Protein backbone atom coordinates (compact mmCIF):
# COMPACT_ATOMS: atom_id res chain seq x y z
CA MET A 1 46.77 -21.20 -32.33
CA SER A 2 43.24 -21.48 -30.79
CA GLU A 3 40.18 -19.84 -32.27
CA ILE A 4 38.54 -16.92 -30.42
CA LYS A 5 35.02 -17.87 -29.29
CA PRO A 6 32.14 -15.41 -29.81
CA ASP A 7 31.16 -13.30 -26.77
CA ILE A 8 28.08 -14.93 -25.20
CA ASN A 9 26.85 -11.62 -23.73
CA LEU A 10 26.88 -9.98 -27.15
CA ILE A 11 25.06 -12.96 -28.61
CA GLN A 12 22.31 -12.75 -25.96
CA LYS A 13 21.99 -9.04 -26.60
CA LYS A 14 21.48 -9.65 -30.34
CA LEU A 15 18.94 -12.40 -29.63
CA LEU A 16 16.75 -9.78 -27.94
CA GLU A 17 15.90 -8.71 -31.50
CA VAL A 18 14.34 -12.10 -32.30
CA LYS A 19 10.59 -11.87 -31.66
CA HIS A 20 8.08 -14.68 -31.28
CA PRO A 21 5.78 -14.30 -34.32
CA GLU A 22 2.57 -14.44 -32.23
CA LEU A 23 3.47 -13.06 -28.81
CA LYS A 24 5.68 -10.24 -30.22
CA LYS A 25 8.17 -10.64 -27.38
CA ASP A 26 11.82 -11.59 -27.64
CA ILE A 27 12.87 -15.21 -27.18
CA VAL A 28 15.23 -14.28 -24.34
CA SER A 29 12.50 -12.76 -22.14
CA LEU A 30 10.18 -15.66 -23.00
CA GLY A 31 12.76 -18.13 -21.66
CA MET A 32 12.96 -20.02 -24.94
CA ILE A 33 16.76 -20.29 -24.96
CA SER A 34 17.62 -23.51 -23.15
CA HIS A 35 21.24 -23.79 -24.32
CA LEU A 36 23.70 -21.27 -25.72
CA GLN A 37 27.29 -22.38 -26.08
CA PRO A 38 30.07 -20.66 -28.05
CA THR A 39 32.40 -23.11 -29.76
CA SER A 40 35.62 -22.84 -31.71
CA GLU A 41 33.54 -23.04 -34.92
CA GLY A 42 30.66 -20.74 -33.92
CA ILE A 43 27.71 -21.28 -31.57
CA ASP A 44 25.34 -24.05 -30.56
CA LEU A 45 21.84 -22.81 -29.76
CA ASN A 46 18.87 -24.79 -28.44
CA ILE A 47 15.39 -23.25 -28.55
CA LYS A 48 12.62 -24.64 -26.32
CA THR A 49 9.05 -24.64 -27.63
CA PRO A 50 5.78 -26.08 -26.24
CA ASN A 51 4.87 -27.80 -29.52
CA ALA A 52 6.30 -28.92 -32.85
CA ASP A 53 4.92 -26.04 -34.92
CA ARG A 54 7.33 -26.29 -37.83
CA ARG A 55 6.24 -23.04 -39.47
CA MET A 56 6.94 -21.14 -36.24
CA GLN A 57 10.31 -22.89 -35.90
CA ILE A 58 11.33 -21.99 -39.44
CA GLY A 59 10.36 -18.35 -38.83
CA LEU A 60 12.37 -18.17 -35.62
CA GLU A 61 15.39 -19.86 -37.20
CA ALA A 62 15.34 -17.36 -40.07
CA GLN A 63 15.25 -14.44 -37.60
CA ILE A 64 18.07 -15.91 -35.51
CA ARG A 65 20.35 -16.44 -38.49
CA GLN A 66 19.57 -12.98 -39.81
CA VAL A 67 20.49 -11.12 -36.61
CA LEU A 68 23.50 -13.27 -35.68
CA SER A 69 25.02 -13.28 -39.15
CA LYS A 70 25.56 -9.54 -38.77
CA MET A 71 28.06 -10.19 -35.94
CA ASP A 72 31.74 -10.32 -36.76
CA GLY A 73 33.37 -13.70 -36.39
CA ILE A 74 30.17 -15.54 -35.49
CA GLY A 75 31.11 -18.64 -37.49
CA LYS A 76 28.71 -21.56 -37.88
CA ILE A 77 25.27 -21.28 -36.25
CA LYS A 78 23.81 -24.61 -35.14
CA ILE A 79 20.17 -24.36 -34.05
CA LYS A 80 18.19 -27.16 -32.42
CA PHE A 81 14.54 -27.01 -31.36
CA GLU A 82 13.46 -28.85 -28.21
CA VAL A 83 9.75 -29.63 -27.82
CA ASP A 84 8.62 -29.57 -24.19
CA GLN A 85 4.85 -29.84 -23.69
CA ASN A 86 5.19 -28.62 -20.10
CA PHE A 87 6.89 -25.39 -21.22
CA LYS A 88 4.50 -22.46 -20.94
CA LEU A 89 4.98 -19.30 -22.95
CA GLU A 90 3.61 -16.03 -21.62
CA ASP A 91 0.26 -15.58 -23.33
CA GLY A 92 0.19 -11.81 -23.37
CA ASN A 93 2.12 -8.61 -22.88
CA ARG A 94 3.71 -9.30 -19.53
CA ILE A 95 6.95 -8.16 -17.88
CA PRO A 96 8.97 -11.22 -16.91
CA GLY A 97 9.10 -11.56 -13.12
CA VAL A 98 6.35 -9.01 -12.41
CA LYS A 99 3.25 -10.64 -10.92
CA LYS A 100 0.74 -7.79 -10.94
CA VAL A 101 0.71 -4.48 -12.80
CA ILE A 102 -1.72 -1.92 -11.34
CA ALA A 103 -2.34 1.53 -12.82
CA VAL A 104 -3.23 4.41 -10.50
CA GLY A 105 -5.29 7.09 -12.22
CA SER A 106 -7.56 9.98 -11.45
CA GLY A 107 -8.91 11.66 -14.57
CA LYS A 108 -7.74 15.06 -13.29
CA GLY A 109 -4.77 16.62 -11.55
CA GLY A 110 -4.62 17.92 -8.01
CA VAL A 111 -6.26 14.99 -6.22
CA GLY A 112 -3.03 13.54 -4.81
CA LYS A 113 -2.73 10.59 -7.19
CA SER A 114 1.07 10.46 -7.02
CA THR A 115 0.96 10.69 -3.23
CA VAL A 116 -1.44 7.77 -3.16
CA THR A 117 0.78 5.78 -5.54
CA ALA A 118 3.90 6.38 -3.44
CA ASN A 119 2.21 5.51 -0.15
CA LEU A 120 0.40 2.48 -1.54
CA ALA A 121 3.76 1.16 -2.73
CA ALA A 122 5.21 1.95 0.70
CA ALA A 123 2.38 0.01 2.36
CA ALA A 124 3.23 -2.97 0.15
CA VAL A 125 6.88 -2.77 1.24
CA ASN A 126 5.76 -2.60 4.88
CA ALA A 127 3.80 -5.80 4.20
CA GLY A 128 6.97 -7.55 3.00
CA LEU A 129 6.19 -7.38 -0.72
CA LYS A 130 8.53 -6.57 -3.61
CA VAL A 131 7.40 -3.38 -5.28
CA GLY A 132 8.19 -1.01 -8.15
CA ILE A 133 6.76 2.30 -9.34
CA MET A 134 6.76 3.49 -12.94
CA ASP A 135 6.04 7.20 -13.29
CA ALA A 136 4.11 7.41 -16.57
CA ASP A 137 3.39 11.12 -16.26
CA ILE A 138 5.85 12.26 -18.94
CA TYR A 139 4.81 15.93 -18.93
CA GLY A 140 4.60 16.39 -15.15
CA PRO A 141 6.55 13.61 -13.41
CA SER A 142 6.47 13.93 -9.61
CA ILE A 143 7.22 10.47 -8.20
CA GLY A 144 10.93 11.27 -8.05
CA LYS A 145 10.32 14.24 -5.78
CA MET A 146 8.12 12.08 -3.54
CA PHE A 147 11.24 10.03 -2.84
CA GLY A 148 13.71 12.91 -2.61
CA ILE A 149 15.10 12.55 -6.15
CA ASN A 150 15.22 15.91 -7.90
CA GLY A 151 16.07 16.43 -11.55
CA ARG A 152 18.45 14.47 -13.73
CA VAL A 153 20.28 11.57 -12.07
CA PRO A 154 22.80 9.06 -13.45
CA LEU A 155 21.11 5.72 -14.11
CA LYS A 156 22.97 2.43 -14.38
CA VAL A 157 22.71 1.02 -17.90
CA GLU A 158 24.02 -2.35 -19.07
CA ASP A 159 23.38 -3.95 -22.46
CA ASP A 160 20.75 -1.30 -23.22
CA ARG A 161 18.83 -2.23 -20.06
CA ILE A 162 18.09 0.49 -17.48
CA PHE A 163 18.34 -0.18 -13.76
CA PRO A 164 15.73 1.62 -11.63
CA ILE A 165 16.63 3.60 -8.53
CA ASP A 166 15.88 1.88 -5.22
CA LYS A 167 14.39 4.06 -2.51
CA GLY A 168 13.07 2.55 0.71
CA GLY A 169 12.93 -0.87 -0.93
CA ILE A 170 10.89 0.44 -3.87
CA LYS A 171 12.28 0.29 -7.42
CA ILE A 172 11.48 3.56 -9.20
CA ILE A 173 11.77 4.85 -12.74
CA SER A 174 10.60 8.30 -13.81
CA PHE A 175 11.09 10.53 -16.81
CA SER A 176 12.19 13.20 -14.33
CA PHE A 177 15.43 11.23 -13.89
CA LEU A 178 16.32 12.02 -17.50
CA ILE A 179 15.71 15.78 -17.63
CA ASN A 180 16.51 18.91 -15.65
CA ASP A 181 13.86 20.31 -13.30
CA ASP A 182 13.12 23.30 -15.54
CA GLN A 183 13.25 21.42 -18.85
CA PRO A 184 9.89 21.22 -20.70
CA VAL A 185 8.81 18.09 -22.58
CA VAL A 186 7.31 18.82 -25.99
CA TRP A 187 6.44 15.41 -27.40
CA ARG A 188 3.70 14.00 -29.58
CA GLY A 189 1.89 10.68 -29.20
CA PRO A 190 4.33 8.28 -30.94
CA MET A 191 7.27 9.54 -28.86
CA LEU A 192 5.23 9.16 -25.67
CA GLY A 193 4.35 5.61 -26.61
CA LYS A 194 8.00 4.73 -27.21
CA ALA A 195 9.02 6.19 -23.85
CA VAL A 196 6.32 4.15 -22.09
CA GLU A 197 7.44 0.99 -23.88
CA GLN A 198 11.05 1.51 -22.80
CA PHE A 199 10.04 2.10 -19.19
CA LEU A 200 8.06 -1.14 -19.22
CA TYR A 201 10.38 -3.52 -21.04
CA ASP A 202 13.88 -1.98 -21.03
CA VAL A 203 14.00 -1.49 -17.26
CA VAL A 204 15.45 -4.28 -15.11
CA TRP A 205 12.50 -4.71 -12.73
CA GLY A 206 13.51 -8.13 -11.48
CA GLU A 207 11.05 -10.08 -9.35
CA LEU A 208 8.13 -7.90 -8.21
CA ASP A 209 4.83 -8.64 -6.50
CA PHE A 210 3.45 -5.29 -7.67
CA LEU A 211 4.40 -2.72 -10.26
CA PHE A 212 2.34 0.43 -9.69
CA ILE A 213 2.05 2.77 -12.67
CA ASP A 214 1.38 6.41 -11.81
CA LEU A 215 -0.76 7.62 -14.72
CA PRO A 216 -0.88 11.21 -15.95
CA PRO A 217 -4.15 13.12 -15.51
CA GLY A 218 -6.79 12.78 -18.17
CA THR A 219 -7.48 10.12 -20.78
CA GLY A 220 -4.79 10.69 -23.40
CA ASP A 221 -2.02 9.02 -25.36
CA VAL A 222 -0.12 7.52 -22.41
CA GLN A 223 -3.16 5.65 -21.10
CA LEU A 224 -3.93 4.26 -24.55
CA SER A 225 -0.29 3.26 -25.12
CA LEU A 226 -0.20 1.41 -21.81
CA ALA A 227 -3.35 -0.53 -22.63
CA GLN A 228 -1.80 -1.61 -25.94
CA LEU A 229 1.67 -2.38 -24.63
CA ILE A 230 0.98 -4.34 -21.46
CA ASP A 231 -1.73 -6.46 -19.88
CA LEU A 232 -2.78 -4.34 -16.93
CA ASP A 233 -4.18 -6.42 -14.09
CA GLY A 234 -6.35 -3.54 -13.00
CA ALA A 235 -6.57 0.10 -12.04
CA VAL A 236 -7.16 2.09 -8.89
CA LEU A 237 -9.01 5.39 -9.25
CA VAL A 238 -8.19 8.26 -6.91
CA THR A 239 -10.74 10.95 -6.21
CA THR A 240 -11.53 13.62 -3.65
CA PRO A 241 -15.06 14.05 -2.30
CA GLN A 242 -16.04 17.04 -4.48
CA ASP A 243 -18.48 16.54 -7.35
CA ILE A 244 -16.05 17.94 -9.96
CA ALA A 245 -13.43 15.35 -9.02
CA LEU A 246 -16.04 12.60 -9.27
CA LEU A 247 -16.99 13.74 -12.77
CA ASP A 248 -13.40 13.50 -14.00
CA ALA A 249 -12.84 10.16 -12.28
CA SER A 250 -15.96 8.84 -14.02
CA ARG A 251 -14.44 9.81 -17.38
CA ALA A 252 -11.24 7.96 -16.47
CA ALA A 253 -13.32 4.89 -15.56
CA ALA A 254 -15.12 5.05 -18.91
CA MET A 255 -11.78 5.17 -20.73
CA LEU A 256 -10.51 2.14 -18.76
CA ALA A 257 -13.67 0.24 -19.63
CA GLN A 258 -13.10 0.94 -23.33
CA VAL A 259 -9.62 -0.60 -23.19
CA LYS A 260 -10.86 -3.48 -21.00
CA VAL A 261 -8.91 -2.64 -17.85
CA PRO A 262 -10.92 -3.54 -14.73
CA VAL A 263 -11.25 -0.95 -11.97
CA MET A 264 -10.22 -2.62 -8.71
CA GLY A 265 -11.74 0.09 -6.56
CA ILE A 266 -11.77 3.72 -5.44
CA VAL A 267 -9.44 5.54 -3.07
CA GLU A 268 -10.98 8.68 -1.60
CA ASN A 269 -8.10 11.02 -0.88
CA MET A 270 -8.37 14.15 1.29
CA SER A 271 -11.47 12.65 2.88
CA GLU A 272 -11.07 14.85 5.95
CA PHE A 273 -8.62 17.30 7.46
CA ILE A 274 -7.14 16.36 10.84
CA CYS A 275 -5.97 19.35 12.87
CA PRO A 276 -2.36 18.85 14.01
CA ASN A 277 -3.03 20.74 17.24
CA CYS A 278 -6.31 19.38 18.59
CA GLY A 279 -6.87 16.31 16.44
CA HIS A 280 -10.33 17.48 15.35
CA SER A 281 -11.38 16.24 11.89
CA SER A 282 -13.25 18.40 9.36
CA ALA A 283 -14.75 17.36 6.02
CA ILE A 284 -13.40 20.40 4.21
CA PHE A 285 -13.97 18.84 0.76
CA SER A 286 -17.50 17.53 1.38
CA GLN A 287 -18.28 13.89 2.22
CA GLY A 288 -19.24 10.59 0.64
CA GLY A 289 -17.89 11.26 -2.82
CA GLY A 290 -15.79 8.12 -2.99
CA LYS A 291 -18.75 5.90 -2.14
CA LYS A 292 -20.96 7.72 -4.63
CA LEU A 293 -18.42 7.07 -7.39
CA ALA A 294 -17.89 3.45 -6.33
CA ASP A 295 -21.64 2.80 -6.33
CA SER A 296 -22.02 4.29 -9.81
CA LEU A 297 -19.21 2.07 -11.13
CA LYS A 298 -20.33 -0.97 -9.10
CA VAL A 299 -16.91 -1.33 -7.45
CA ASN A 300 -15.68 -1.10 -3.87
CA VAL A 301 -14.20 1.79 -1.94
CA LEU A 302 -10.72 0.51 -1.13
CA GLY A 303 -10.30 3.10 1.59
CA SER A 304 -10.07 6.77 2.43
CA VAL A 305 -7.07 8.88 3.37
CA PRO A 306 -7.19 12.05 5.51
CA ILE A 307 -5.17 15.22 5.04
CA THR A 308 -2.59 15.48 7.78
CA LEU A 309 0.38 17.72 8.43
CA GLU A 310 2.63 14.65 8.18
CA ILE A 311 1.46 13.92 4.63
CA MET A 312 2.13 17.49 3.56
CA LYS A 313 5.59 17.46 5.14
CA SER A 314 6.48 14.09 3.60
CA GLY A 315 5.82 15.49 0.13
CA GLU A 316 8.69 17.91 0.72
CA SER A 317 10.99 15.69 2.78
CA GLY A 318 11.33 13.01 0.10
CA LEU A 319 10.04 9.96 1.99
CA PRO A 320 6.39 8.85 1.95
CA VAL A 321 4.73 9.16 5.35
CA THR A 322 3.80 5.47 5.25
CA LEU A 323 7.53 4.64 5.38
CA GLN A 324 8.27 7.29 8.02
CA GLU A 325 5.49 6.44 10.49
CA LYS A 326 4.63 2.80 9.93
CA GLU A 327 2.31 2.66 12.94
CA GLY A 328 0.52 5.96 12.31
CA LYS A 329 -3.04 6.61 11.18
CA VAL A 330 -2.07 7.28 7.58
CA ALA A 331 -0.01 4.08 7.36
CA ALA A 332 -2.99 2.18 8.77
CA SER A 333 -5.22 3.69 6.07
CA TYR A 334 -2.89 2.56 3.32
CA ALA A 335 -2.45 -0.89 4.86
CA GLY A 336 -6.21 -1.28 4.67
CA ILE A 337 -6.29 -0.02 1.08
CA LEU A 338 -3.60 -2.53 0.09
CA LYS A 339 -5.48 -5.39 1.76
CA ASN A 340 -8.72 -4.47 0.00
CA LEU A 341 -6.86 -4.12 -3.31
CA GLN A 342 -5.46 -7.63 -2.92
CA THR A 343 -8.96 -8.93 -2.20
CA SER A 344 -10.34 -7.24 -5.34
CA ILE A 345 -7.53 -8.67 -7.47
CA ALA A 346 -8.20 -12.17 -6.10
CA GLU A 347 -11.88 -11.81 -6.99
CA TRP A 348 -10.99 -10.90 -10.58
CA ASP A 349 -8.39 -13.66 -11.05
């Protein structure tokens, strides 16, 4: 009678609990498992490391044996360490497979930050890039509605990993997917931080060129949690031309500076109103505010976006205007913003 071999999927799931002592990330995400083979006696496990740090190896081995010994029928655990000097561990809080993580903030509500996030992601898709959006506005999530997803939706979950919803080629996760439309969220800081951590690391993002994070207004717990949990490659600040919007955006910039997140540039939203009948443009919210803010922060204006009837309609229809009218004026504005963002990122790298 043959022995039943341990389930390799269950073993990998348990190994997610084993954290590198310095990087604080699991050995599965770090790519340290080079060989995992169930046998009739138990399992053979090879761990790849960039150096022969024996103290680190002993610590990892102790963790591995502790978590796997809790499994029924695991049998003998054989662990071998392979030293490969060419093996590079992630040196920070990164999401495996995600190249750039960019936060989109504003400092205040009502400036169209979520609209900018959705259309900037759409511009990236139009450019042939792989893109995701994480809606970090726990109290007032709106990204779902931007893509026609209203209220609670069933999400695919496997091995405690959440699969985002794909809309127009954009992978999206939002707290709005987990609650009803009229359900309030009454959470304190630690719970917000845990939710943000799960959205970052428990979601199956796959390979992405950009993950855009739609920040909540203000300078509160979510922004601080993000800065602690992940290495943000930069932030985009959204403002409108009025002085009051500039003041709040300046506060957001000061908060980002404190947590060492570079501002890649300014997007001036609602820069002008374009009449749908005659095409005449009017600066209904003043002029030049985006440049004034950019000059004060010593960063670039990434671009400006007008108010159009198409933008207003797209907010209700559930598909960003940049995906609907890829050759239109608004899409051209966002294409320029994306190009300037990429230039700013290259200058910082």
